[in-house]
Amino acid sequence: MNKLVGAWRAEDLLIFSNFHRWHAVPPCIITDDESREGLARLDRALGVADKYYVGKL
């Protein structure tokens, strides 16, 4: 989780994490472009967790 939180911070994302859970809450007023950019940042950051996945997708 520490590496994942670090990746979120590197992407300038403010995500709450508590043990094995995380919460991402976008603003209520968000444009389509902002939504796409936020999801792209989240996707890049979650790539850190892919290194630790053992199994089949």
PDB file of N, CA and C in Angstrom:
ATOM      1  N   MET A   1       0.817  -1.189   0.000  1.00  0.00           N
ATOM      2  CA  MET A   1       0.000   0.000   0.000  1.00  0.00           C
ATOM      3  C   MET A   1       0.862   1.255   0.000  1.00  0.00           C
ATOM      4  N   ASN A   2       1.999   1.223   0.674  1.00  0.00           N
ATOM      5  CA  ASN A   2       2.848   2.407   0.717  1.00  0.00           C
ATOM      6  C   ASN A   2       3.324   2.808  -0.682  1.00  0.00           C
ATOM      7  N   LYS A   3       3.663   1.818  -1.507  1.00  0.00           N
ATOM      8  CA  LYS A   3       4.108   2.124  -2.867  1.00  0.00           C
ATOM      9  C   LYS A   3       2.951   2.673  -3.699  1.00  0.00           C
ATOM     10  N   LEU A   4       1.759   2.140  -3.470  1.00  0.00           N
ATOM     11  CA  LEU A   4       0.582   2.615  -4.185  1.00  0.00           C
ATOM     12  C   LEU A   4       0.244   4.049  -3.778  1.00  0.00           C
ATOM     13  N   VAL A   5       0.292   4.342  -2.501  1.00  0.00           N
ATOM     14  CA  VAL A   5       0.036   5.708  -2.022  1.00  0.00           C
ATOM     15  C   VAL A   5       1.085   6.667  -2.609  1.00  0.00           C
ATOM     16  N   GLY A   6       2.334   6.226  -2.666  1.00  0.00           N
ATOM     17  CA  GLY A   6       3.379   7.041  -3.273  1.00  0.00           C
ATOM     18  C   GLY A   6       3.106   7.318  -4.745  1.00  0.00           C
ATOM     19  N   ALA A   7       2.599   6.322  -5.456  1.00  0.00           N
ATOM     20  CA  ALA A   7       2.270   6.498  -6.873  1.00  0.00           C
ATOM     21  C   ALA A   7       1.106   7.474  -7.034  1.00  0.00           C
ATOM     22  N   TRP A   8       0.124   7.417  -6.151  1.00  0.00           N
ATOM     23  CA  TRP A   8      -0.992   8.376  -6.201  1.00  0.00           C
ATOM     24  C   TRP A   8      -0.478   9.791  -5.998  1.00  0.00           C
ATOM     25  N   ARG A   9       0.397   9.952  -5.024  1.00  0.00           N
ATOM     26  CA  ARG A   9       0.954  11.285  -4.750  1.00  0.00           C
ATOM     27  C   ARG A   9       1.768  11.791  -5.924  1.00  0.00           C
ATOM     28  N   ALA A  10       2.514  10.899  -6.582  1.00  0.00           N
ATOM     29  CA  ALA A  10       3.304  11.293  -7.741  1.00  0.00           C
ATOM     30  C   ALA A  10       2.412  11.771  -8.888  1.00  0.00           C
ATOM     31  N   GLU A  11       1.187  11.260  -8.929  1.00  0.00           N
ATOM     32  CA  GLU A  11       0.212  11.665  -9.953  1.00  0.00           C
ATOM     33  C   GLU A  11      -0.653  12.838  -9.477  1.00  0.00           C
ATOM     34  N   ASP A  12      -0.311  13.412  -8.326  1.00  0.00           N
ATOM     35  CA  ASP A  12      -1.083  14.517  -7.731  1.00  0.00           C
ATOM     36  C   ASP A  12      -2.525  14.134  -7.424  1.00  0.00           C
ATOM     37  N   LEU A  13      -2.731  12.896  -6.998  1.00  0.00           N
ATOM     38  CA  LEU A  13      -4.050  12.438  -6.593  1.00  0.00           C
ATOM     39  C   LEU A  13      -4.126  12.437  -5.069  1.00  0.00           C
ATOM     40  N   LEU A  14      -5.237  12.880  -4.533  1.00  0.00           N
ATOM     41  CA  LEU A  14      -5.453  12.881  -3.096  1.00  0.00           C
ATOM     42  C   LEU A  14      -6.474  11.786  -2.791  1.00  0.00           C
ATOM     43  N   ILE A  15      -5.970  10.626  -2.419  1.00  0.00           N
ATOM     44  CA  ILE A  15      -6.820   9.465  -2.180  1.00  0.00           C
ATOM     45  C   ILE A  15      -6.616   9.014  -0.744  1.00  0.00           C
ATOM     46  N   PHE A  16      -7.710   8.783  -0.034  1.00  0.00           N
ATOM     47  CA  PHE A  16      -7.658   8.321   1.344  1.00  0.00           C
ATOM     48  C   PHE A  16      -7.404   6.819   1.358  1.00  0.00           C
ATOM     49  N   SER A  17      -6.436   6.384   2.139  1.00  0.00           N
ATOM     50  CA  SER A  17      -6.191   4.946   2.279  1.00  0.00           C
ATOM     51  C   SER A  17      -6.162   4.585   3.761  1.00  0.00           C
ATOM     52  N   ASN A  18      -6.703   3.426   4.066  1.00  0.00           N
ATOM     53  CA  ASN A  18      -6.736   2.922   5.430  1.00  0.00           C
ATOM     54  C   ASN A  18      -6.535   1.406   5.369  1.00  0.00           C
ATOM     55  N   PHE A  19      -5.346   0.950   5.774  1.00  0.00           N
ATOM     56  CA  PHE A  19      -4.968  -0.457   5.685  1.00  0.00           C
ATOM     57  C   PHE A  19      -5.099  -0.934   4.242  1.00  0.00           C
ATOM     58  N   HIS A  20      -5.996  -1.862   3.948  1.00  0.00           N
ATOM     59  CA  HIS A  20      -6.117  -2.435   2.609  1.00  0.00           C
ATOM     60  C   HIS A  20      -7.222  -1.780   1.773  1.00  0.00           C
ATOM     61  N   ARG A  21      -7.836  -0.707   2.272  1.00  0.00           N
ATOM     62  CA  ARG A  21      -8.911  -0.030   1.546  1.00  0.00           C
ATOM     63  C   ARG A  21      -8.450   1.328   1.063  1.00  0.00           C
ATOM     64  N   TRP A  22      -9.064   1.784  -0.025  1.00  0.00           N
ATOM     65  CA  TRP A  22      -8.803   3.143  -0.487  1.00  0.00           C
ATOM     66  C   TRP A  22     -10.082   3.738  -1.028  1.00  0.00           C
ATOM     67  N   HIS A  23     -10.161   5.061  -0.921  1.00  0.00           N
ATOM     68  CA  HIS A  23     -11.361   5.786  -1.329  1.00  0.00           C
ATOM     69  C   HIS A  23     -10.959   6.955  -2.228  1.00  0.00           C
ATOM     70  N   ALA A  24     -11.530   7.013  -3.398  1.00  0.00           N
ATOM     71  CA  ALA A  24     -11.306   8.125  -4.318  1.00  0.00           C
ATOM     72  C   ALA A  24     -12.655   8.798  -4.540  1.00  0.00           C
ATOM     73  N   VAL A  25     -12.716  10.082  -4.248  1.00  0.00           N
ATOM     74  CA  VAL A  25     -13.969  10.814  -4.371  1.00  0.00           C
ATOM     75  C   VAL A  25     -13.742  12.044  -5.243  1.00  0.00           C
ATOM     76  N   PRO A  26     -14.178  11.984  -6.501  1.00  0.00           N
ATOM     77  CA  PRO A  26     -14.004  13.156  -7.359  1.00  0.00           C
ATOM     78  C   PRO A  26     -14.978  14.255  -6.953  1.00  0.00           C
ATOM     79  N   PRO A  27     -14.714  15.473  -7.355  1.00  0.00           N
ATOM     80  CA  PRO A  27     -15.644  16.561  -7.043  1.00  0.00           C
ATOM     81  C   PRO A  27     -16.999  16.329  -7.712  1.00  0.00           C
ATOM     82  N   CYS A  28     -18.025  16.919  -7.154  1.00  0.00           N
ATOM     83  CA  CYS A  28     -19.369  16.764  -7.723  1.00  0.00           C
ATOM     84  C   CYS A  28     -19.491  17.444  -9.082  1.00  0.00           C
ATOM     85  N   ILE A  29     -18.741  18.503  -9.281  1.00  0.00           N
ATOM     86  CA  ILE A  29     -18.775  19.223 -10.556  1.00  0.00           C
ATOM     87  C   ILE A  29     -17.442  18.963 -11.250  1.00  0.00           C
ATOM     88  N   ILE A  30     -17.503  18.171 -12.317  1.00  0.00           N
ATOM     89  CA  ILE A  30     -16.291  17.790 -13.028  1.00  0.00           C
ATOM     90  C   ILE A  30     -16.624  17.670 -14.515  1.00  0.00           C
ATOM     91  N   THR A  31     -15.724  18.125 -15.355  1.00  0.00           N
ATOM     92  CA  THR A  31     -15.966  18.037 -16.791  1.00  0.00           C
ATOM     93  C   THR A  31     -15.568  16.655 -17.305  1.00  0.00           C
ATOM     94  N   ASP A  32     -15.980  16.361 -18.509  1.00  0.00           N
ATOM     95  CA  ASP A  32     -15.606  15.082 -19.128  1.00  0.00           C
ATOM     96  C   ASP A  32     -14.088  14.967 -19.258  1.00  0.00           C
ATOM     97  N   ASP A  33     -13.444  16.051 -19.672  1.00  0.00           N
ATOM     98  CA  ASP A  33     -11.990  16.027 -19.827  1.00  0.00           C
ATOM     99  C   ASP A  33     -11.286  15.819 -18.490  1.00  0.00           C
ATOM    100  N   GLU A  34     -11.765  16.473 -17.441  1.00  0.00           N
ATOM    101  CA  GLU A  34     -11.176  16.296 -16.113  1.00  0.00           C
ATOM    102  C   GLU A  34     -11.369  14.871 -15.619  1.00  0.00           C
ATOM    103  N   SER A  35     -12.518  14.310 -15.906  1.00  0.00           N
ATOM    104  CA  SER A  35     -12.789  12.925 -15.517  1.00  0.00           C
ATOM    105  C   SER A  35     -11.837  11.966 -16.224  1.00  0.00           C
ATOM    106  N   ARG A  36     -11.653  12.153 -17.525  1.00  0.00           N
ATOM    107  CA  ARG A  36     -10.731  11.298 -18.282  1.00  0.00           C
ATOM    108  C   ARG A  36      -9.303  11.436 -17.767  1.00  0.00           C
ATOM    109  N   GLU A  37      -8.875  12.666 -17.475  1.00  0.00           N
ATOM    110  CA  GLU A  37      -7.518  12.894 -16.964  1.00  0.00           C
ATOM    111  C   GLU A  37      -7.342  12.239 -15.598  1.00  0.00           C
ATOM    112  N   GLY A  38      -8.334  12.373 -14.729  1.00  0.00           N
ATOM    113  CA  GLY A  38      -8.252  11.757 -13.408  1.00  0.00           C
ATOM    114  C   GLY A  38      -8.182  10.244 -13.480  1.00  0.00           C
ATOM    115  N   LEU A  39      -8.983   9.653 -14.364  1.00  0.00           N
ATOM    116  CA  LEU A  39      -8.957   8.198 -14.522  1.00  0.00           C
ATOM    117  C   LEU A  39      -7.636   7.727 -15.126  1.00  0.00           C
ATOM    118  N   ALA A  40      -7.069   8.515 -16.027  1.00  0.00           N
ATOM    119  CA  ALA A  40      -5.772   8.163 -16.612  1.00  0.00           C
ATOM    120  C   ALA A  40      -4.684   8.189 -15.536  1.00  0.00           C
ATOM    121  N   ARG A  41      -4.721   9.192 -14.672  1.00  0.00           N
ATOM    122  CA  ARG A  41      -3.749   9.266 -13.572  1.00  0.00           C
ATOM    123  C   ARG A  41      -3.918   8.082 -12.625  1.00  0.00           C
ATOM    124  N   LEU A  42      -5.162   7.761 -12.302  1.00  0.00           N
ATOM    125  CA  LEU A  42      -5.427   6.626 -11.414  1.00  0.00           C
ATOM    126  C   LEU A  42      -4.940   5.330 -12.046  1.00  0.00           C
ATOM    127  N   ASP A  43      -5.166   5.157 -13.336  1.00  0.00           N
ATOM    128  CA  ASP A  43      -4.719   3.958 -14.046  1.00  0.00           C
ATOM    129  C   ASP A  43      -3.203   3.827 -14.015  1.00  0.00           C
ATOM    130  N   ARG A  44      -2.498   4.931 -14.255  1.00  0.00           N
ATOM    131  CA  ARG A  44      -1.028   4.891 -14.212  1.00  0.00           C
ATOM    132  C   ARG A  44      -0.547   4.518 -12.812  1.00  0.00           C
ATOM    133  N   ALA A  45      -1.159   5.100 -11.802  1.00  0.00           N
ATOM    134  CA  ALA A  45      -0.735   4.828 -10.428  1.00  0.00           C
ATOM    135  C   ALA A  45      -1.032   3.382 -10.034  1.00  0.00           C
ATOM    136  N   LEU A  46      -2.170   2.860 -10.462  1.00  0.00           N
ATOM    137  CA  LEU A  46      -2.510   1.476 -10.122  1.00  0.00           C
ATOM    138  C   LEU A  46      -1.601   0.466 -10.821  1.00  0.00           C
ATOM    139  N   GLY A  47      -0.879   0.918 -11.840  1.00  0.00           N
ATOM    140  CA  GLY A  47       0.096   0.052 -12.499  1.00  0.00           C
ATOM    141  C   GLY A  47       1.162  -0.441 -11.535  1.00  0.00           C
ATOM    142  N   VAL A  48       1.406   0.299 -10.471  1.00  0.00           N
ATOM    143  CA  VAL A  48       2.365  -0.116  -9.438  1.00  0.00           C
ATOM    144  C   VAL A  48       1.907  -1.433  -8.800  1.00  0.00           C
ATOM    145  N   ALA A  49       0.611  -1.581  -8.572  1.00  0.00           N
ATOM    146  CA  ALA A  49       0.073  -2.779  -7.940  1.00  0.00           C
ATOM    147  C   ALA A  49       0.162  -3.990  -8.854  1.00  0.00           C
ATOM    148  N   ASP A  50       0.193  -3.770 -10.163  1.00  0.00           N
ATOM    149  CA  ASP A  50       0.266  -4.894 -11.110  1.00  0.00           C
ATOM    150  C   ASP A  50       1.495  -5.753 -10.883  1.00  0.00           C
ATOM    151  N   LYS A  51       2.578  -5.158 -10.411  1.00  0.00           N
ATOM    152  CA  LYS A  51       3.816  -5.916 -10.164  1.00  0.00           C
ATOM    153  C   LYS A  51       3.641  -6.959  -9.064  1.00  0.00           C
ATOM    154  N   TYR A  52       2.683  -6.741  -8.192  1.00  0.00           N
ATOM    155  CA  TYR A  52       2.492  -7.621  -7.054  1.00  0.00           C
ATOM    156  C   TYR A  52       1.379  -8.647  -7.250  1.00  0.00           C
ATOM    157  N   TYR A  53       0.719  -8.606  -8.395  1.00  0.00           N
ATOM    158  CA  TYR A  53      -0.380  -9.532  -8.670  1.00  0.00           C
ATOM    159  C   TYR A  53       0.172 -10.888  -9.084  1.00  0.00           C
ATOM    160  N   VAL A  54      -0.268 -11.920  -8.418  1.00  0.00           N
ATOM    161  CA  VAL A  54       0.141 -13.279  -8.753  1.00  0.00           C
ATOM    162  C   VAL A  54      -1.109 -14.056  -9.122  1.00  0.00           C
ATOM    163  N   GLY A  55      -1.207 -14.443 -10.342  1.00  0.00           N
ATOM    164  CA  GLY A  55      -2.385 -15.175 -10.791  1.00  0.00           C
ATOM    165  C   GLY A  55      -2.721 -14.821 -12.220  1.00  0.00           C
ATOM    166  N   LYS A  56      -3.897 -15.232 -12.639  1.00  0.00           N
ATOM    167  CA  LYS A  56      -4.355 -14.974 -13.998  1.00  0.00           C
ATOM    168  C   LYS A  56      -5.424 -13.903 -13.991  1.00  0.00           C
ATOM    169  N   LEU A  57      -5.378 -13.076 -15.003  1.00  0.00           N
ATOM    170  CA  LEU A  57      -6.429 -12.052 -15.174  1.00  0.00           C
ATOM    171  C   LEU A  57      -7.486 -12.561 -16.094  1.00  0.00           C
TER     172      LEU A  57
END
